Amino acid sequence: MYLDGLKILEDKLFKDGIILFHNAILPPPPPNLIDEVNRKWRYIVVPTRLGILIVIGVNYLDIFI
């Protein structure tokens, strides 16, 4: 389900943008989710009780660097 959601959002955001996923810690996402995210995005997990995954497009970061 995580990968399906990532692909849908990826199509809508193209190369730029920010994606937030809840439940990044519990239940744990599939191991290959982070590999998929690393291809085009940078990420951080906010350590709330269930976790929030913040994913930022690499091209979006280039604007601010």
PDB file of N, CA and C in Angstrom:
ATOM      1  N   MET A   1       0.812  -1.183   0.000  1.00  0.00           N
ATOM      2  CA  MET A   1       0.000   0.000   0.000  1.00  0.00           C
ATOM      3  C   MET A   1       0.865   1.260   0.000  1.00  0.00           C
ATOM      4  N   TYR A   2       1.955   1.267   0.744  1.00  0.00           N
ATOM      5  CA  TYR A   2       2.840   2.423   0.775  1.00  0.00           C
ATOM      6  C   TYR A   2       3.389   2.729  -0.617  1.00  0.00           C
ATOM      7  N   LEU A   3       3.867   1.695  -1.302  1.00  0.00           N
ATOM      8  CA  LEU A   3       4.447   1.903  -2.634  1.00  0.00           C
ATOM      9  C   LEU A   3       3.403   2.386  -3.627  1.00  0.00           C
ATOM     10  N   ASP A   4       2.187   1.869  -3.543  1.00  0.00           N
ATOM     11  CA  ASP A   4       1.112   2.332  -4.422  1.00  0.00           C
ATOM     12  C   ASP A   4       0.838   3.817  -4.187  1.00  0.00           C
ATOM     13  N   GLY A   5       0.770   4.200  -2.926  1.00  0.00           N
ATOM     14  CA  GLY A   5       0.549   5.610  -2.586  1.00  0.00           C
ATOM     15  C   GLY A   5       1.679   6.493  -3.073  1.00  0.00           C
ATOM     16  N   LEU A   6       2.912   6.023  -2.919  1.00  0.00           N
ATOM     17  CA  LEU A   6       4.070   6.791  -3.384  1.00  0.00           C
ATOM     18  C   LEU A   6       4.017   6.988  -4.893  1.00  0.00           C
ATOM     19  N   LYS A   7       3.670   5.964  -5.626  1.00  0.00           N
ATOM     20  CA  LYS A   7       3.605   6.074  -7.092  1.00  0.00           C
ATOM     21  C   LYS A   7       2.509   7.041  -7.537  1.00  0.00           C
ATOM     22  N   ILE A   8       1.359   7.007  -6.879  1.00  0.00           N
ATOM     23  CA  ILE A   8       0.277   7.940  -7.216  1.00  0.00           C
ATOM     24  C   ILE A   8       0.716   9.376  -6.950  1.00  0.00           C
ATOM     25  N   LEU A   9       1.286   9.610  -5.772  1.00  0.00           N
ATOM     26  CA  LEU A   9       1.718  10.968  -5.435  1.00  0.00           C
ATOM     27  C   LEU A   9       2.875  11.421  -6.307  1.00  0.00           C
ATOM     28  N   GLU A  10       3.766  10.511  -6.640  1.00  0.00           N
ATOM     29  CA  GLU A  10       4.902  10.826  -7.500  1.00  0.00           C
ATOM     30  C   GLU A  10       4.413  11.317  -8.861  1.00  0.00           C
ATOM     31  N   ASP A  11       3.390  10.682  -9.398  1.00  0.00           N
ATOM     32  CA  ASP A  11       2.827  11.098 -10.683  1.00  0.00           C
ATOM     33  C   ASP A  11       2.211  12.489 -10.595  1.00  0.00           C
ATOM     34  N   LYS A  12       1.624  12.823  -9.463  1.00  0.00           N
ATOM     35  CA  LYS A  12       0.975  14.118  -9.302  1.00  0.00           C
ATOM     36  C   LYS A  12       1.972  15.236  -9.012  1.00  0.00           C
ATOM     37  N   LEU A  13       3.060  14.925  -8.318  1.00  0.00           N
ATOM     38  CA  LEU A  13       4.022  15.952  -7.923  1.00  0.00           C
ATOM     39  C   LEU A  13       5.179  16.095  -8.901  1.00  0.00           C
ATOM     40  N   PHE A  14       5.289  15.196  -9.853  1.00  0.00           N
ATOM     41  CA  PHE A  14       6.394  15.198 -10.795  1.00  0.00           C
ATOM     42  C   PHE A  14       7.709  15.130 -10.033  1.00  0.00           C
ATOM     43  N   LYS A  15       8.641  16.073 -10.250  1.00  0.00           N
ATOM     44  CA  LYS A  15       9.957  15.987  -9.605  1.00  0.00           C
ATOM     45  C   LYS A  15      10.064  16.889  -8.387  1.00  0.00           C
ATOM     46  N   ASP A  16       9.127  17.788  -8.219  1.00  0.00           N
ATOM     47  CA  ASP A  16       9.199  18.742  -7.116  1.00  0.00           C
ATOM     48  C   ASP A  16       8.076  18.481  -6.124  1.00  0.00           C
ATOM     49  N   GLY A  17       8.278  18.899  -4.909  1.00  0.00           N
ATOM     50  CA  GLY A  17       7.200  18.835  -3.935  1.00  0.00           C
ATOM     51  C   GLY A  17       7.578  18.113  -2.662  1.00  0.00           C
ATOM     52  N   ILE A  18       6.605  18.058  -1.785  1.00  0.00           N
ATOM     53  CA  ILE A  18       6.767  17.440  -0.471  1.00  0.00           C
ATOM     54  C   ILE A  18       5.614  16.463  -0.265  1.00  0.00           C
ATOM     55  N   ILE A  19       5.919  15.283   0.257  1.00  0.00           N
ATOM     56  CA  ILE A  19       4.911  14.269   0.557  1.00  0.00           C
ATOM     57  C   ILE A  19       5.016  13.931   2.041  1.00  0.00           C
ATOM     58  N   LEU A  20       3.887  13.807   2.718  1.00  0.00           N
ATOM     59  CA  LEU A  20       3.847  13.373   4.109  1.00  0.00           C
ATOM     60  C   LEU A  20       3.097  12.051   4.189  1.00  0.00           C
ATOM     61  N   PHE A  21       3.686  11.083   4.864  1.00  0.00           N
ATOM     62  CA  PHE A  21       3.038   9.794   5.126  1.00  0.00           C
ATOM     63  C   PHE A  21       2.914   9.635   6.633  1.00  0.00           C
ATOM     64  N   HIS A  22       1.741   9.257   7.101  1.00  0.00           N
ATOM     65  CA  HIS A  22       1.611   8.930   8.517  1.00  0.00           C
ATOM     66  C   HIS A  22       1.858   7.430   8.686  1.00  0.00           C
ATOM     67  N   ASN A  23       2.010   6.997   9.904  1.00  0.00           N
ATOM     68  CA  ASN A  23       2.298   5.589  10.228  1.00  0.00           C
ATOM     69  C   ASN A  23       3.608   5.126   9.593  1.00  0.00           C
ATOM     70  N   ALA A  24       4.625   5.938   9.694  1.00  0.00           N
ATOM     71  CA  ALA A  24       5.927   5.586   9.126  1.00  0.00           C
ATOM     72  C   ALA A  24       6.694   4.610  10.013  1.00  0.00           C
ATOM     73  N   ILE A  25       6.284   4.481  11.277  1.00  0.00           N
ATOM     74  CA  ILE A  25       6.966   3.568  12.198  1.00  0.00           C
ATOM     75  C   ILE A  25       6.094   2.345  12.481  1.00  0.00           C
ATOM     76  N   LEU A  26       4.834   2.568  12.802  1.00  0.00           N
ATOM     77  CA  LEU A  26       3.901   1.478  13.096  1.00  0.00           C
ATOM     78  C   LEU A  26       2.654   1.625  12.252  1.00  0.00           C
ATOM     79  N   PRO A  27       2.202   0.674  11.521  1.00  0.00           N
ATOM     80  CA  PRO A  27       2.926  -0.545  11.194  1.00  0.00           C
ATOM     81  C   PRO A  27       4.112  -0.211  10.305  1.00  0.00           C
ATOM     82  N   PRO A  28       5.174  -0.987  10.387  1.00  0.00           N
ATOM     83  CA  PRO A  28       6.374  -0.652   9.618  1.00  0.00           C
ATOM     84  C   PRO A  28       6.123  -0.732   8.113  1.00  0.00           C
ATOM     85  N   PRO A  29       6.694   0.226   7.376  1.00  0.00           N
ATOM     86  CA  PRO A  29       6.571   0.170   5.916  1.00  0.00           C
ATOM     87  C   PRO A  29       7.417  -0.971   5.360  1.00  0.00           C
ATOM     88  N   PRO A  30       7.155  -1.382   4.130  1.00  0.00           N
ATOM     89  CA  PRO A  30       7.975  -2.434   3.529  1.00  0.00           C
ATOM     90  C   PRO A  30       9.419  -1.953   3.371  1.00  0.00           C
ATOM     91  N   PRO A  31      10.390  -2.854   3.500  1.00  0.00           N
ATOM     92  CA  PRO A  31      11.801  -2.460   3.417  1.00  0.00           C
ATOM     93  C   PRO A  31      12.160  -1.746   2.112  1.00  0.00           C
ATOM     94  N   ASN A  32      11.514  -2.102   1.021  1.00  0.00           N
ATOM     95  CA  ASN A  32      11.878  -1.496  -0.256  1.00  0.00           C
ATOM     96  C   ASN A  32      11.295  -0.094  -0.433  1.00  0.00           C
ATOM     97  N   LEU A  33      10.464   0.375   0.502  1.00  0.00           N
ATOM     98  CA  LEU A  33       9.922   1.733   0.392  1.00  0.00           C
ATOM     99  C   LEU A  33      11.045   2.762   0.436  1.00  0.00           C
ATOM    100  N   ILE A  34      11.965   2.609   1.374  1.00  0.00           N
ATOM    101  CA  ILE A  34      13.062   3.571   1.500  1.00  0.00           C
ATOM    102  C   ILE A  34      13.945   3.535   0.257  1.00  0.00           C
ATOM    103  N   ASP A  35      14.166   2.361  -0.318  1.00  0.00           N
ATOM    104  CA  ASP A  35      14.939   2.272  -1.566  1.00  0.00           C
ATOM    105  C   ASP A  35      14.249   3.047  -2.681  1.00  0.00           C
ATOM    106  N   GLU A  36      12.928   2.915  -2.774  1.00  0.00           N
ATOM    107  CA  GLU A  36      12.163   3.643  -3.791  1.00  0.00           C
ATOM    108  C   GLU A  36      12.245   5.145  -3.548  1.00  0.00           C
ATOM    109  N   VAL A  37      12.121   5.538  -2.294  1.00  0.00           N
ATOM    110  CA  VAL A  37      12.164   6.962  -1.945  1.00  0.00           C
ATOM    111  C   VAL A  37      13.534   7.545  -2.272  1.00  0.00           C
ATOM    112  N   ASN A  38      14.600   6.816  -1.990  1.00  0.00           N
ATOM    113  CA  ASN A  38      15.964   7.317  -2.206  1.00  0.00           C
ATOM    114  C   ASN A  38      16.285   7.599  -3.670  1.00  0.00           C
ATOM    115  N   ARG A  39      15.538   7.012  -4.593  1.00  0.00           N
ATOM    116  CA  ARG A  39      15.827   7.229  -6.012  1.00  0.00           C
ATOM    117  C   ARG A  39      15.665   8.696  -6.415  1.00  0.00           C
ATOM    118  N   LYS A  40      14.609   9.348  -5.959  1.00  0.00           N
ATOM    119  CA  LYS A  40      14.301  10.705  -6.409  1.00  0.00           C
ATOM    120  C   LYS A  40      14.073  11.695  -5.286  1.00  0.00           C
ATOM    121  N   TRP A  41      14.086  11.231  -4.060  1.00  0.00           N
ATOM    122  CA  TRP A  41      13.642  12.047  -2.947  1.00  0.00           C
ATOM    123  C   TRP A  41      14.626  11.980  -1.782  1.00  0.00           C
ATOM    124  N   ARG A  42      14.535  12.934  -0.888  1.00  0.00           N
ATOM    125  CA  ARG A  42      15.227  12.892   0.399  1.00  0.00           C
ATOM    126  C   ARG A  42      14.140  12.786   1.457  1.00  0.00           C
ATOM    127  N   TYR A  43      14.448  12.167   2.582  1.00  0.00           N
ATOM    128  CA  TYR A  43      13.394  11.931   3.565  1.00  0.00           C
ATOM    129  C   TYR A  43      13.903  12.073   4.988  1.00  0.00           C
ATOM    130  N   ILE A  44      12.957  12.243   5.903  1.00  0.00           N
ATOM    131  CA  ILE A  44      13.218  12.212   7.337  1.00  0.00           C
ATOM    132  C   ILE A  44      11.972  11.627   7.998  1.00  0.00           C
ATOM    133  N   VAL A  45      12.173  10.887   9.080  1.00  0.00           N
ATOM    134  CA  VAL A  45      11.049  10.357   9.850  1.00  0.00           C
ATOM    135  C   VAL A  45      10.937  11.180  11.128  1.00  0.00           C
ATOM    136  N   VAL A  46       9.776  11.789  11.332  1.00  0.00           N
ATOM    137  CA  VAL A  46       9.501  12.534  12.557  1.00  0.00           C
ATOM    138  C   VAL A  46       9.039  11.515  13.597  1.00  0.00           C
ATOM    139  N   PRO A  47       9.746  11.432  14.737  1.00  0.00           N
ATOM    140  CA  PRO A  47       9.464  10.361  15.696  1.00  0.00           C
ATOM    141  C   PRO A  47       8.240  10.622  16.575  1.00  0.00           C
ATOM    142  N   THR A  48       7.062  10.673  15.966  1.00  0.00           N
ATOM    143  CA  THR A  48       5.829  10.698  16.743  1.00  0.00           C
ATOM    144  C   THR A  48       5.513   9.262  17.148  1.00  0.00           C
ATOM    145  N   ARG A  49       4.405   9.043  17.827  1.00  0.00           N
ATOM    146  CA  ARG A  49       4.072   7.688  18.295  1.00  0.00           C
ATOM    147  C   ARG A  49       4.030   6.687  17.141  1.00  0.00           C
ATOM    148  N   LEU A  50       3.420   7.073  16.014  1.00  0.00           N
ATOM    149  CA  LEU A  50       3.343   6.178  14.858  1.00  0.00           C
ATOM    150  C   LEU A  50       4.304   6.579  13.749  1.00  0.00           C
ATOM    151  N   GLY A  51       4.883   7.753  13.855  1.00  0.00           N
ATOM    152  CA  GLY A  51       5.861   8.206  12.873  1.00  0.00           C
ATOM    153  C   GLY A  51       5.231   8.939  11.703  1.00  0.00           C
ATOM    154  N   ILE A  52       5.892  10.004  11.277  1.00  0.00           N
ATOM    155  CA  ILE A  52       5.503  10.735  10.072  1.00  0.00           C
ATOM    156  C   ILE A  52       6.718  10.761   9.160  1.00  0.00           C
ATOM    157  N   LEU A  53       6.547  10.284   7.954  1.00  0.00           N
ATOM    158  CA  LEU A  53       7.610  10.286   6.953  1.00  0.00           C
ATOM    159  C   LEU A  53       7.425  11.524   6.092  1.00  0.00           C
ATOM    160  N   ILE A  54       8.429  12.412   6.074  1.00  0.00           N
ATOM    161  CA  ILE A  54       8.407  13.601   5.227  1.00  0.00           C
ATOM    162  C   ILE A  54       9.366  13.339   4.083  1.00  0.00           C
ATOM    163  N   VAL A  55       8.844  13.393   2.873  1.00  0.00           N
ATOM    164  CA  VAL A  55       9.626  13.105   1.674  1.00  0.00           C
ATOM    165  C   VAL A  55       9.653  14.366   0.823  1.00  0.00           C
ATOM    166  N   ILE A  56      10.862  14.795   0.413  1.00  0.00           N
ATOM    167  CA  ILE A  56      11.032  16.032  -0.352  1.00  0.00           C
ATOM    168  C   ILE A  56      11.714  15.708  -1.668  1.00  0.00           C
ATOM    169  N   GLY A  57      11.166  16.231  -2.752  1.00  0.00           N
ATOM    170  CA  GLY A  57      11.759  16.029  -4.073  1.00  0.00           C
ATOM    171  C   GLY A  57      13.141  16.658  -4.156  1.00  0.00           C
ATOM    172  N   VAL A  58      14.078  15.979  -4.782  1.00  0.00           N
ATOM    173  CA  VAL A  58      15.455  16.458  -4.893  1.00  0.00           C
ATOM    174  C   VAL A  58      15.499  17.795  -5.626  1.00  0.00           C
ATOM    175  N   ASN A  59      14.738  17.948  -6.703  1.00  0.00           N
ATOM    176  CA  ASN A  59      14.727  19.210  -7.434  1.00  0.00           C
ATOM    177  C   ASN A  59      14.156  20.334  -6.592  1.00  0.00           C
ATOM    178  N   TYR A  60      13.235  20.024  -5.705  1.00  0.00           N
ATOM    179  CA  TYR A  60      12.669  21.014  -4.794  1.00  0.00           C
ATOM    180  C   TYR A  60      13.761  21.541  -3.873  1.00  0.00           C
ATOM    181  N   LEU A  61      14.647  20.661  -3.415  1.00  0.00           N
ATOM    182  CA  LEU A  61      15.744  21.082  -2.543  1.00  0.00           C
ATOM    183  C   LEU A  61      16.724  21.980  -3.275  1.00  0.00           C
ATOM    184  N   ASP A  62      16.935  21.752  -4.569  1.00  0.00           N
ATOM    185  CA  ASP A  62      17.872  22.566  -5.341  1.00  0.00           C
ATOM    186  C   ASP A  62      17.491  24.036  -5.333  1.00  0.00           C
ATOM    187  N   ILE A  63      16.210  24.340  -5.200  1.00  0.00           N
ATOM    188  CA  ILE A  63      15.749  25.725  -5.175  1.00  0.00           C
ATOM    189  C   ILE A  63      16.303  26.449  -3.958  1.00  0.00           C
ATOM    190  N   PHE A  64      16.441  25.750  -2.846  1.00  0.00           N
ATOM    191  CA  PHE A  64      16.816  26.374  -1.586  1.00  0.00           C
ATOM    192  C   PHE A  64      18.292  26.226  -1.237  1.00  0.00           C
ATOM    193  N   ILE A  65      19.043  25.514  -2.046  1.00  0.00           N
ATOM    194  CA  ILE A  65      20.470  25.300  -1.733  1.00  0.00           C
ATOM    195  C   ILE A  65      21.317  26.256  -2.540  1.00  0.00           C
TER     196      ILE A  65
END
